[in-house]
Amino acid sequence: MSELIGMGYTKDIAEKFIEDQASWLTRDEIAGPNNIDDGAKSVGKEVDSRYGYYGITAPWITKGLFLTGGGGQLNTIFSWGTLCNSGLIYDTGTAEIH
């Protein structure tokens, strides 16, 4: 909290940020049955969902049309820089982003 306030965020915004970060970890797509992590494990991969996801979907067919690409991103409400500067992300020297 003090790091965020020191960066210029108000106490209310800092509290909301911390609340949103904690809420992120309880969302169905993060912690529910058949969540994103479970899907990755089912194909022999591991993912870290603490800060969000970014990915490209596997090819798929819709109404006979072969499609590729797409995907999406689930984010926390603050930028990567804010997360790093606040100390909530601290392992950037060892983290691998694919």
N, C-alpha and C. Protein backbone atom coordinates (compact mmCIF):
# COMPACT_ATOMS: atom_id res chain seq x y z
N MET A 1 0.83 -1.18 0.00
CA MET A 1 0.00 0.00 0.00
C MET A 1 0.88 1.25 0.00
N SER A 2 1.89 1.27 0.86
CA SER A 2 2.74 2.45 0.95
C SER A 2 3.50 2.71 -0.35
N GLU A 3 3.88 1.64 -1.05
CA GLU A 3 4.59 1.81 -2.33
C GLU A 3 3.68 2.49 -3.35
N LEU A 4 2.43 2.06 -3.43
CA LEU A 4 1.49 2.67 -4.38
C LEU A 4 1.22 4.13 -4.02
N ILE A 5 1.02 4.41 -2.74
CA ILE A 5 0.79 5.78 -2.31
C ILE A 5 2.02 6.63 -2.61
N GLY A 6 3.21 6.06 -2.39
CA GLY A 6 4.45 6.76 -2.70
C GLY A 6 4.60 7.05 -4.18
N MET A 7 3.93 6.27 -5.03
CA MET A 7 3.97 6.50 -6.47
C MET A 7 2.96 7.55 -6.91
N GLY A 8 2.15 8.04 -5.96
CA GLY A 8 1.20 9.10 -6.28
C GLY A 8 -0.25 8.67 -6.31
N TYR A 9 -0.53 7.39 -6.09
CA TYR A 9 -1.92 6.94 -6.05
C TYR A 9 -2.53 7.29 -4.71
N THR A 10 -3.81 7.63 -4.71
CA THR A 10 -4.49 7.92 -3.45
C THR A 10 -4.67 6.63 -2.67
N LYS A 11 -4.98 6.76 -1.40
CA LYS A 11 -5.22 5.59 -0.55
C LYS A 11 -6.38 4.77 -1.10
N ASP A 12 -7.46 5.46 -1.55
CA ASP A 12 -8.62 4.75 -2.10
C ASP A 12 -8.26 3.95 -3.34
N ILE A 13 -7.48 4.54 -4.24
CA ILE A 13 -7.08 3.84 -5.46
C ILE A 13 -6.15 2.69 -5.11
N ALA A 14 -5.22 2.90 -4.20
CA ALA A 14 -4.31 1.83 -3.80
C ALA A 14 -5.07 0.66 -3.18
N GLU A 15 -6.05 0.95 -2.33
CA GLU A 15 -6.87 -0.11 -1.74
C GLU A 15 -7.64 -0.87 -2.81
N LYS A 16 -8.19 -0.14 -3.77
CA LYS A 16 -8.94 -0.77 -4.86
C LYS A 16 -8.02 -1.64 -5.71
N PHE A 17 -6.82 -1.16 -5.96
CA PHE A 17 -5.85 -1.93 -6.73
C PHE A 17 -5.55 -3.26 -6.04
N ILE A 18 -5.26 -3.20 -4.76
CA ILE A 18 -4.94 -4.42 -4.01
C ILE A 18 -6.15 -5.36 -3.97
N GLU A 19 -7.34 -4.80 -3.80
CA GLU A 19 -8.56 -5.60 -3.81
C GLU A 19 -8.77 -6.27 -5.18
N ASP A 20 -8.56 -5.50 -6.25
CA ASP A 20 -8.72 -6.06 -7.60
C ASP A 20 -7.69 -7.15 -7.88
N GLN A 21 -6.46 -6.94 -7.41
CA GLN A 21 -5.42 -7.95 -7.62
C GLN A 21 -5.79 -9.25 -6.91
N ALA A 22 -6.30 -9.16 -5.68
CA ALA A 22 -6.73 -10.35 -4.93
C ALA A 22 -7.93 -11.01 -5.60
N SER A 23 -8.85 -10.19 -6.10
CA SER A 23 -10.04 -10.70 -6.78
C SER A 23 -9.67 -11.46 -8.05
N TRP A 24 -8.64 -10.97 -8.74
CA TRP A 24 -8.17 -11.62 -9.97
C TRP A 24 -7.92 -13.10 -9.73
N LEU A 25 -7.30 -13.42 -8.62
CA LEU A 25 -6.91 -14.80 -8.33
C LEU A 25 -8.08 -15.71 -8.01
N THR A 26 -9.29 -15.15 -7.80
CA THR A 26 -10.46 -15.97 -7.50
C THR A 26 -11.42 -16.08 -8.68
N ARG A 27 -11.13 -15.43 -9.80
CA ARG A 27 -12.01 -15.49 -10.97
C ARG A 27 -12.09 -16.92 -11.49
N ASP A 28 -13.25 -17.29 -12.04
CA ASP A 28 -13.45 -18.66 -12.53
C ASP A 28 -12.40 -19.09 -13.54
N GLU A 29 -12.04 -18.19 -14.47
CA GLU A 29 -11.08 -18.59 -15.49
C GLU A 29 -9.67 -18.76 -14.92
N ILE A 30 -9.45 -18.27 -13.69
CA ILE A 30 -8.16 -18.41 -13.04
C ILE A 30 -8.17 -19.56 -12.04
N ALA A 31 -9.23 -19.66 -11.22
CA ALA A 31 -9.25 -20.63 -10.13
C ALA A 31 -10.39 -21.63 -10.21
N GLY A 32 -11.31 -21.44 -11.12
CA GLY A 32 -12.47 -22.32 -11.22
C GLY A 32 -12.13 -23.64 -11.89
N PRO A 33 -13.12 -24.53 -11.96
CA PRO A 33 -12.90 -25.81 -12.63
C PRO A 33 -12.63 -25.60 -14.12
N ASN A 34 -11.72 -26.40 -14.66
CA ASN A 34 -11.35 -26.30 -16.07
C ASN A 34 -10.85 -24.89 -16.43
N ASN A 35 -10.06 -24.33 -15.55
CA ASN A 35 -9.54 -22.98 -15.77
C ASN A 35 -8.42 -23.00 -16.81
N ILE A 36 -7.89 -21.81 -17.11
CA ILE A 36 -6.86 -21.68 -18.14
C ILE A 36 -5.62 -22.51 -17.80
N ASP A 37 -5.23 -22.49 -16.53
CA ASP A 37 -4.07 -23.26 -16.09
C ASP A 37 -4.30 -24.76 -16.31
N ASP A 38 -5.51 -25.24 -16.00
CA ASP A 38 -5.84 -26.65 -16.23
C ASP A 38 -5.71 -27.00 -17.71
N GLY A 39 -6.16 -26.09 -18.57
CA GLY A 39 -6.05 -26.33 -20.01
C GLY A 39 -4.61 -26.42 -20.45
N ALA A 40 -3.76 -25.54 -19.93
CA ALA A 40 -2.34 -25.58 -20.28
C ALA A 40 -1.71 -26.88 -19.80
N LYS A 41 -2.03 -27.28 -18.57
CA LYS A 41 -1.47 -28.53 -18.03
C LYS A 41 -1.91 -29.75 -18.85
N SER A 42 -3.13 -29.68 -19.41
CA SER A 42 -3.63 -30.82 -20.18
C SER A 42 -2.81 -31.07 -21.44
N VAL A 43 -2.05 -30.07 -21.89
CA VAL A 43 -1.19 -30.24 -23.06
C VAL A 43 0.28 -30.15 -22.69
N GLY A 44 0.57 -30.35 -21.38
CA GLY A 44 1.96 -30.42 -20.93
C GLY A 44 2.65 -29.08 -20.76
N LYS A 45 1.90 -28.02 -20.58
CA LYS A 45 2.48 -26.68 -20.40
C LYS A 45 2.13 -26.15 -19.01
N GLU A 46 2.90 -25.18 -18.55
CA GLU A 46 2.60 -24.51 -17.30
C GLU A 46 2.51 -23.02 -17.56
N VAL A 47 1.60 -22.36 -16.89
CA VAL A 47 1.44 -20.91 -17.01
C VAL A 47 1.36 -20.30 -15.62
N ASP A 48 1.67 -19.04 -15.54
CA ASP A 48 1.60 -18.29 -14.29
C ASP A 48 0.54 -17.23 -14.47
N SER A 49 -0.53 -17.31 -13.69
CA SER A 49 -1.66 -16.40 -13.89
C SER A 49 -1.69 -15.23 -12.92
N ARG A 50 -0.61 -14.99 -12.20
CA ARG A 50 -0.63 -13.93 -11.19
C ARG A 50 -0.86 -12.55 -11.80
N TYR A 51 -0.38 -12.30 -13.01
CA TYR A 51 -0.42 -10.95 -13.55
C TYR A 51 -1.28 -10.82 -14.80
N GLY A 52 -1.78 -11.90 -15.32
CA GLY A 52 -2.59 -11.86 -16.52
C GLY A 52 -2.11 -12.89 -17.52
N TYR A 53 -2.80 -12.99 -18.61
CA TYR A 53 -2.45 -13.93 -19.67
C TYR A 53 -2.38 -13.18 -20.99
N TYR A 54 -1.54 -13.68 -21.84
CA TYR A 54 -1.57 -13.23 -23.22
C TYR A 54 -1.33 -14.46 -24.06
N GLY A 55 -2.09 -14.65 -25.09
CA GLY A 55 -1.87 -15.84 -25.88
C GLY A 55 -2.53 -15.77 -27.24
N ILE A 56 -2.17 -16.72 -28.05
CA ILE A 56 -2.76 -16.88 -29.38
C ILE A 56 -3.46 -18.22 -29.38
N THR A 57 -4.68 -18.24 -29.81
CA THR A 57 -5.44 -19.48 -29.79
C THR A 57 -4.93 -20.46 -30.84
N ALA A 58 -5.20 -21.70 -30.59
CA ALA A 58 -4.90 -22.74 -31.57
C ALA A 58 -5.85 -22.55 -32.76
N PRO A 59 -5.47 -23.03 -33.94
CA PRO A 59 -6.37 -22.92 -35.10
C PRO A 59 -7.72 -23.60 -34.80
N TRP A 60 -8.79 -23.08 -35.40
CA TRP A 60 -10.11 -23.66 -35.22
C TRP A 60 -10.92 -23.48 -36.49
N ILE A 61 -12.00 -24.23 -36.58
CA ILE A 61 -12.87 -24.17 -37.76
C ILE A 61 -14.26 -23.71 -37.31
N THR A 62 -14.79 -22.70 -37.99
CA THR A 62 -16.13 -22.19 -37.72
C THR A 62 -16.89 -22.13 -39.03
N LYS A 63 -18.00 -22.86 -39.10
CA LYS A 63 -18.83 -22.89 -40.30
C LYS A 63 -18.01 -23.20 -41.54
N GLY A 64 -17.07 -24.14 -41.40
CA GLY A 64 -16.26 -24.57 -42.53
C GLY A 64 -15.09 -23.65 -42.84
N LEU A 65 -14.92 -22.58 -42.10
CA LEU A 65 -13.84 -21.64 -42.34
C LEU A 65 -12.70 -21.91 -41.37
N PHE A 66 -11.51 -22.13 -41.90
CA PHE A 66 -10.33 -22.39 -41.07
C PHE A 66 -9.78 -21.07 -40.57
N LEU A 67 -9.69 -20.92 -39.25
CA LEU A 67 -9.23 -19.66 -38.64
C LEU A 67 -8.00 -19.90 -37.77
N THR A 68 -7.14 -18.90 -37.70
CA THR A 68 -5.98 -18.96 -36.83
C THR A 68 -5.80 -17.60 -36.16
N GLY A 69 -4.93 -17.58 -35.16
CA GLY A 69 -4.65 -16.31 -34.49
C GLY A 69 -5.68 -16.00 -33.43
N GLY A 70 -5.93 -14.75 -33.24
CA GLY A 70 -6.91 -14.36 -32.23
C GLY A 70 -6.31 -14.43 -30.85
N GLY A 71 -7.05 -14.94 -29.94
CA GLY A 71 -6.59 -15.01 -28.56
C GLY A 71 -6.99 -13.74 -27.83
N GLY A 72 -6.48 -13.58 -26.69
CA GLY A 72 -6.86 -12.41 -25.93
C GLY A 72 -5.95 -12.19 -24.75
N GLN A 73 -6.28 -11.22 -24.00
CA GLN A 73 -5.48 -10.87 -22.85
C GLN A 73 -6.40 -10.50 -21.71
N LEU A 74 -6.12 -11.04 -20.55
CA LEU A 74 -6.82 -10.67 -19.33
C LEU A 74 -5.82 -9.89 -18.50
N ASN A 75 -6.18 -8.74 -18.07
CA ASN A 75 -5.23 -7.87 -17.39
C ASN A 75 -5.70 -7.49 -16.00
N THR A 76 -4.76 -7.09 -15.20
CA THR A 76 -5.11 -6.35 -14.00
C THR A 76 -5.33 -4.91 -14.43
N ILE A 77 -5.80 -4.06 -13.56
CA ILE A 77 -6.17 -2.71 -13.95
C ILE A 77 -4.98 -1.77 -14.08
N PHE A 78 -3.81 -2.16 -13.59
CA PHE A 78 -2.63 -1.31 -13.66
C PHE A 78 -1.65 -1.86 -14.68
N SER A 79 -0.79 -1.01 -15.19
CA SER A 79 0.18 -1.41 -16.20
C SER A 79 1.28 -2.27 -15.62
N TRP A 80 2.01 -2.91 -16.51
CA TRP A 80 3.18 -3.72 -16.12
C TRP A 80 4.17 -2.87 -15.33
N GLY A 81 4.41 -1.65 -15.78
CA GLY A 81 5.34 -0.75 -15.10
C GLY A 81 4.90 -0.44 -13.68
N THR A 82 3.61 -0.19 -13.50
CA THR A 82 3.09 0.08 -12.15
C THR A 82 3.23 -1.14 -11.27
N LEU A 83 2.93 -2.31 -11.81
CA LEU A 83 3.08 -3.54 -11.02
C LEU A 83 4.53 -3.73 -10.60
N CYS A 84 5.46 -3.48 -11.51
CA CYS A 84 6.89 -3.63 -11.19
C CYS A 84 7.33 -2.58 -10.18
N ASN A 85 6.98 -1.32 -10.43
CA ASN A 85 7.40 -0.24 -9.55
C ASN A 85 6.83 -0.36 -8.15
N SER A 86 5.63 -0.94 -8.03
CA SER A 86 5.01 -1.08 -6.72
C SER A 86 5.59 -2.25 -5.93
N GLY A 87 6.34 -3.12 -6.62
CA GLY A 87 6.90 -4.29 -5.95
C GLY A 87 6.00 -5.51 -5.99
N LEU A 88 4.80 -5.39 -6.57
CA LEU A 88 3.92 -6.55 -6.66
C LEU A 88 4.46 -7.57 -7.66
N ILE A 89 5.19 -7.11 -8.66
CA ILE A 89 5.95 -8.01 -9.54
C ILE A 89 7.41 -7.77 -9.19
N TYR A 90 8.07 -8.79 -8.79
CA TYR A 90 9.45 -8.62 -8.32
C TYR A 90 10.42 -9.60 -8.97
N ASP A 91 9.92 -10.51 -9.78
CA ASP A 91 10.78 -11.56 -10.34
C ASP A 91 11.05 -11.36 -11.82
N THR A 92 11.13 -10.11 -12.27
CA THR A 92 11.29 -9.86 -13.70
C THR A 92 12.63 -10.33 -14.23
N GLY A 93 13.62 -10.50 -13.37
CA GLY A 93 14.92 -10.99 -13.83
C GLY A 93 14.89 -12.46 -14.20
N THR A 94 13.94 -13.21 -13.64
CA THR A 94 13.88 -14.65 -13.89
C THR A 94 12.61 -15.07 -14.62
N ALA A 95 11.62 -14.16 -14.72
CA ALA A 95 10.37 -14.51 -15.37
C ALA A 95 10.57 -14.70 -16.86
N GLU A 96 9.87 -15.68 -17.41
CA GLU A 96 9.89 -15.91 -18.86
C GLU A 96 8.53 -15.55 -19.41
N ILE A 97 8.50 -14.71 -20.40
CA ILE A 97 7.23 -14.33 -21.03
C ILE A 97 7.24 -14.89 -22.44
N HIS A 98 6.26 -15.71 -22.74
CA HIS A 98 6.16 -16.34 -24.07
C HIS A 98 4.97 -15.77 -24.80
